[in-house]
Amino acid sequence: MNNKSDNIRLFVGTYINLDFLFPENELNILQEQFDNSIKWVEKENIHLTWKYIGDLENNKLDQVITNLHAAANSINDITVILKKVVIWPNNKFPRQLVIIGDDTNGNATKLYKDINLKLVNLGVKKEKRSFNPHITLARFRLKNKPSEPFNIPDGFKFDEVKFDISNINLIQSSLTPKGSIYNVLNSFNLNQNQYLKLY
């Protein structure tokens, strides 16, 4: 059995700057309407998740990189339509505040499936759910069901907008008392033969 210190916690994601939806000051004003029952994702950490890998042995890292490079190199032209802000699972017992989207041409779903298939051979659990593009804005920290259903402020409403994705990142997530710290280990451009090795 591997020692826990020999493992590394990983996920695959694409960072997204939401200034085109919510200018920084506007998002800050919206955030001030909430109390400490909601924890916002730091602006620099906002991302779309392709695959949560979890704790993996360090000696498998190079194999993960090779497989992600192959997956990214086989895909191009990914466009997601960002639709609206919703509450998961529902507004009566909120857990997450997320932006949901649609895969416009099937390429995002194809990449998601390819990553899953390539990593399962390394002992990474395969996702059974279908791909549902989303961006987590915040997580609710509620111990009990709220007395009233939570309603999303009008300021979070926006017109549907297309968002192009050109790369995926292998990201290390380190847990600390103050929250998770993300570190990009590798960045893979779509439909390119090369990738940027950062670790």
Protein backbone atom coordinates (compact mmCIF):
# COMPACT_ATOMS: atom_id res chain seq x y z
CA MET A 1 0.00 0.00 0.00
CA ASN A 2 1.28 3.44 -0.89
CA ASN A 3 1.95 5.95 1.81
CA LYS A 4 -0.46 8.89 1.65
CA SER A 5 2.51 11.23 1.25
CA ASP A 6 3.37 9.43 -2.01
CA ASN A 7 0.05 10.52 -3.53
CA ILE A 8 -0.91 13.69 -5.31
CA ARG A 9 -4.46 15.08 -5.59
CA LEU A 10 -5.30 16.01 -9.17
CA PHE A 11 -8.06 17.19 -11.45
CA VAL A 12 -8.35 18.29 -15.07
CA GLY A 13 -9.88 21.70 -15.67
CA THR A 14 -9.95 24.82 -17.81
CA TYR A 15 -9.63 28.16 -16.04
CA ILE A 16 -12.24 30.72 -17.02
CA ASN A 17 -12.18 34.48 -16.48
CA LEU A 18 -15.79 35.57 -15.99
CA ASP A 19 -15.22 39.29 -16.52
CA PHE A 20 -17.16 39.05 -19.77
CA LEU A 21 -20.23 37.97 -17.73
CA PHE A 22 -19.72 39.82 -14.46
CA PRO A 23 -17.27 42.73 -14.38
CA GLU A 24 -15.21 42.45 -11.19
CA ASN A 25 -16.96 45.25 -9.29
CA GLU A 26 -20.37 43.90 -10.28
CA LEU A 27 -19.57 40.42 -8.98
CA ASN A 28 -18.19 41.86 -5.75
CA ILE A 29 -21.43 43.78 -5.21
CA LEU A 30 -23.46 40.62 -5.78
CA GLN A 31 -21.28 38.66 -3.36
CA GLU A 32 -21.84 41.26 -0.63
CA GLN A 33 -25.55 40.36 -0.60
CA PHE A 34 -24.74 37.00 1.01
CA ASP A 35 -23.70 36.10 4.53
CA ASN A 36 -20.95 33.69 5.56
CA SER A 37 -23.16 30.69 4.78
CA ILE A 38 -21.75 30.76 1.27
CA LYS A 39 -18.09 30.38 0.31
CA TRP A 40 -17.10 31.92 -3.01
CA VAL A 41 -14.57 30.35 -5.31
CA GLU A 42 -11.62 32.70 -5.62
CA LYS A 43 -11.64 34.52 -8.95
CA GLU A 44 -8.31 33.04 -10.03
CA ASN A 45 -9.56 29.50 -9.27
CA ILE A 46 -12.81 29.58 -11.26
CA HIS A 47 -12.78 26.73 -13.74
CA LEU A 48 -14.72 24.19 -15.74
CA THR A 49 -13.92 20.68 -14.53
CA TRP A 50 -13.31 17.91 -17.05
CA LYS A 51 -12.28 15.18 -14.66
CA TYR A 52 -11.69 14.88 -10.91
CA ILE A 53 -8.86 12.36 -10.60
CA GLY A 54 -8.43 12.47 -6.84
CA ASP A 55 -5.45 11.05 -4.97
CA LEU A 56 -3.07 9.28 -7.33
CA GLU A 57 0.37 7.77 -6.90
CA ASN A 58 3.17 10.15 -7.86
CA ASN A 59 4.77 7.51 -10.06
CA LYS A 60 1.73 7.61 -12.36
CA LEU A 61 1.99 11.34 -13.03
CA ASP A 62 3.96 11.02 -16.28
CA GLN A 63 1.43 8.50 -17.58
CA VAL A 64 -1.42 10.88 -16.78
CA ILE A 65 0.38 13.65 -18.67
CA THR A 66 0.94 11.41 -21.70
CA ASN A 67 -2.72 10.41 -21.79
CA LEU A 68 -4.03 13.95 -21.38
CA HIS A 69 -1.73 15.16 -24.14
CA ALA A 70 -3.13 12.50 -26.47
CA ALA A 71 -6.71 13.38 -25.55
CA ALA A 72 -6.20 17.13 -26.06
CA ASN A 73 -4.33 16.64 -29.33
CA SER A 74 -7.27 14.73 -30.83
CA ILE A 75 -9.83 17.52 -30.26
CA ASN A 76 -10.34 21.03 -31.58
CA ASP A 77 -13.10 23.59 -31.85
CA ILE A 78 -14.74 23.25 -28.43
CA THR A 79 -17.46 25.81 -27.78
CA VAL A 80 -19.70 25.83 -24.72
CA ILE A 81 -22.81 27.98 -24.42
CA LEU A 82 -23.07 29.41 -20.91
CA LYS A 83 -26.79 29.60 -20.15
CA LYS A 84 -27.63 30.70 -16.61
CA VAL A 85 -26.83 30.55 -12.90
CA VAL A 86 -28.63 27.80 -11.00
CA ILE A 87 -28.60 26.17 -7.57
CA TRP A 88 -27.60 22.53 -7.13
CA PRO A 89 -29.36 20.37 -6.14
CA ASN A 90 -32.24 22.79 -5.54
CA ASN A 91 -33.12 26.06 -3.80
CA LYS A 92 -34.70 24.32 -0.82
CA PHE A 93 -31.42 22.75 0.26
CA PRO A 94 -28.69 24.55 -1.71
CA ARG A 95 -25.22 23.08 -2.03
CA GLN A 96 -23.64 24.87 -4.98
CA LEU A 97 -24.17 28.01 -7.03
CA VAL A 98 -23.16 27.15 -10.59
CA ILE A 99 -23.27 28.38 -14.17
CA ILE A 100 -24.61 25.65 -16.42
CA GLY A 101 -23.82 25.32 -20.10
CA ASP A 102 -24.36 23.24 -23.24
CA ASP A 103 -21.84 21.48 -25.48
CA THR A 104 -22.58 23.01 -28.89
CA ASN A 105 -21.01 20.47 -31.26
CA GLY A 106 -20.29 17.38 -29.16
CA ASN A 107 -16.53 17.96 -28.98
CA ALA A 108 -16.54 18.80 -25.26
CA THR A 109 -18.38 15.54 -24.55
CA LYS A 110 -15.97 13.65 -26.78
CA LEU A 111 -12.99 15.07 -24.85
CA TYR A 112 -14.64 14.22 -21.53
CA LYS A 113 -15.22 10.60 -22.60
CA ASP A 114 -11.71 10.25 -24.01
CA ILE A 115 -10.10 11.50 -20.78
CA ASN A 116 -12.19 9.03 -18.79
CA LEU A 117 -11.26 6.08 -21.00
CA LYS A 118 -7.55 6.91 -21.02
CA LEU A 119 -7.26 7.36 -17.25
CA VAL A 120 -9.26 4.30 -16.20
CA ASN A 121 -6.26 2.14 -17.16
CA LEU A 122 -4.27 3.95 -14.47
CA GLY A 123 -6.76 2.97 -11.79
CA VAL A 124 -8.75 6.22 -11.92
CA LYS A 125 -12.45 5.66 -11.34
CA LYS A 126 -14.51 6.12 -14.49
CA GLU A 127 -17.35 8.63 -14.40
CA LYS A 128 -20.76 7.08 -15.03
CA ARG A 129 -22.60 10.36 -15.43
CA SER A 130 -22.94 12.17 -18.73
CA PHE A 131 -20.93 15.34 -19.29
CA ASN A 132 -22.67 18.41 -17.92
CA PRO A 133 -20.57 21.56 -18.53
CA HIS A 134 -20.69 23.79 -15.46
CA ILE A 135 -18.68 26.35 -13.53
CA THR A 136 -18.92 26.46 -9.75
CA LEU A 137 -19.20 30.00 -8.36
CA ALA A 138 -19.76 29.20 -4.70
CA ARG A 139 -20.55 26.47 -2.19
CA PHE A 140 -23.14 26.77 0.54
CA ARG A 141 -22.05 25.95 4.07
CA LEU A 142 -25.38 25.07 5.65
CA LYS A 143 -25.72 22.54 8.44
CA ASN A 144 -29.51 22.52 8.29
CA LYS A 145 -32.18 23.01 5.69
CA PRO A 146 -32.89 26.77 5.37
CA SER A 147 -36.23 28.04 6.62
CA GLU A 148 -36.97 29.64 3.24
CA PRO A 149 -36.00 28.54 -0.28
CA PHE A 150 -32.94 30.38 -1.58
CA ASN A 151 -33.57 32.69 -4.52
CA ILE A 152 -30.87 33.78 -6.96
CA PRO A 153 -30.58 37.60 -7.15
CA ASP A 154 -31.54 39.18 -10.46
CA GLY A 155 -27.99 40.46 -10.87
CA PHE A 156 -26.84 36.95 -11.74
CA LYS A 157 -29.04 36.77 -14.82
CA PHE A 158 -27.32 37.10 -18.18
CA ASP A 159 -27.97 36.43 -21.85
CA GLU A 160 -26.65 33.13 -23.20
CA VAL A 161 -23.09 33.50 -24.44
CA LYS A 162 -20.70 31.24 -26.34
CA PHE A 163 -17.36 30.47 -24.75
CA ASP A 164 -14.47 28.94 -26.73
CA ILE A 165 -12.10 26.53 -24.99
CA SER A 166 -8.55 26.19 -26.31
CA ASN A 167 -6.76 24.23 -23.58
CA ILE A 168 -7.04 21.91 -20.60
CA ASN A 169 -4.87 21.89 -17.49
CA LEU A 170 -3.66 19.18 -15.13
CA ILE A 171 -4.05 20.82 -11.73
CA GLN A 172 -2.79 19.78 -8.33
CA SER A 173 -5.16 20.52 -5.45
CA SER A 174 -3.50 20.85 -2.04
CA LEU A 175 -5.78 20.95 0.99
CA THR A 176 -4.95 23.56 3.65
CA PRO A 177 -6.84 24.88 6.70
CA LYS A 178 -7.73 27.96 4.65
CA GLY A 179 -9.01 25.95 1.69
CA SER A 180 -7.64 24.31 -1.45
CA ILE A 181 -4.60 25.69 -3.24
CA TYR A 182 -4.40 24.98 -6.98
CA ASN A 183 -1.18 24.57 -8.92
CA VAL A 184 -1.08 23.95 -12.69
CA LEU A 185 1.31 21.08 -13.42
CA ASN A 186 0.78 20.96 -17.19
CA SER A 187 -1.20 22.83 -19.80
CA PHE A 188 -2.33 21.14 -23.03
CA ASN A 189 -3.47 23.14 -26.05
CA LEU A 190 -6.18 21.45 -28.10
CA ASN A 191 -5.09 19.91 -31.41
CA GLN A 192 -1.41 20.67 -30.82
CA ASN A 193 1.56 18.32 -30.78
CA GLN A 194 3.28 20.07 -27.90
CA TYR A 195 2.33 20.77 -24.30
CA LEU A 196 3.75 23.02 -21.63
CA LYS A 197 5.42 21.09 -18.79
CA LEU A 198 5.40 23.16 -15.62
CA TYR A 199 6.35 20.75 -12.86
